[in-house]
């Protein structure tokens, strides 16, 4: 009968959590040595300035140097994806932080801009391979935006900066992981390390080339040797 006691369940849970922890790769909140680009909208500047200060503070607290932070100001949130892509394509920055504020109005203009900004930032991150942190507020009222720019709902600029630091480190850790070798690659590595004699290797193609090289060509005749006898006088 299978043991389903609570003690066994707790032991199995601990073992599972330990295995998951060993298999997990997560980015560290350490911005030391990393470079960041910040793209911030001037529209609704009363809000976006607060987001910018929060993002800047988050990077400095994480260990980033002031010289490693580049700030770009664009007219509105619609221009954020273009500027972010321009920074990402330079390959000088480990992550891009996008900051803006969109407030719903009486027309459908809000919905159009929100969709294009979200799509553009995501597309830039996927096509350039540089992590982008989304710090664009999409609120119905000004009060909601103020609450998310440093009041009771926290500062979304600060949160975007921490996300950028974590993703930049995560990408670095993934890129530094050694690739898994296929069976053929492992065999080649073993052959090169153990120096297996050529006669014992299963290399039919090389053996066939050698046999073909040593085999005389058909129809070729060796030239007759010239007679070395001398005429007697």
Foldseek 3Di string as FASTA:
>chain_A
DDDPDPVVVVVVVVVVVVVVVVVDFWFDLACAPFAEEEEFECVVVVLRVLLVVLLVVLNVVNPDDPVRYHYHYDHALLCQLVVQLVVLQVVSGQEYEYAHEQEDDDDCPLVVSVVNSVVSNVVSCVVSVHYYFYHYHYYHDPVVSVCQSDNVVHDSSNVSNSVNNTVSRSVVVVVPDDDDDDPVRVVVVVCVVVVDDPVPDPDVVVVVVVVVVPDDDPPDDDDDDDDPDDDDD
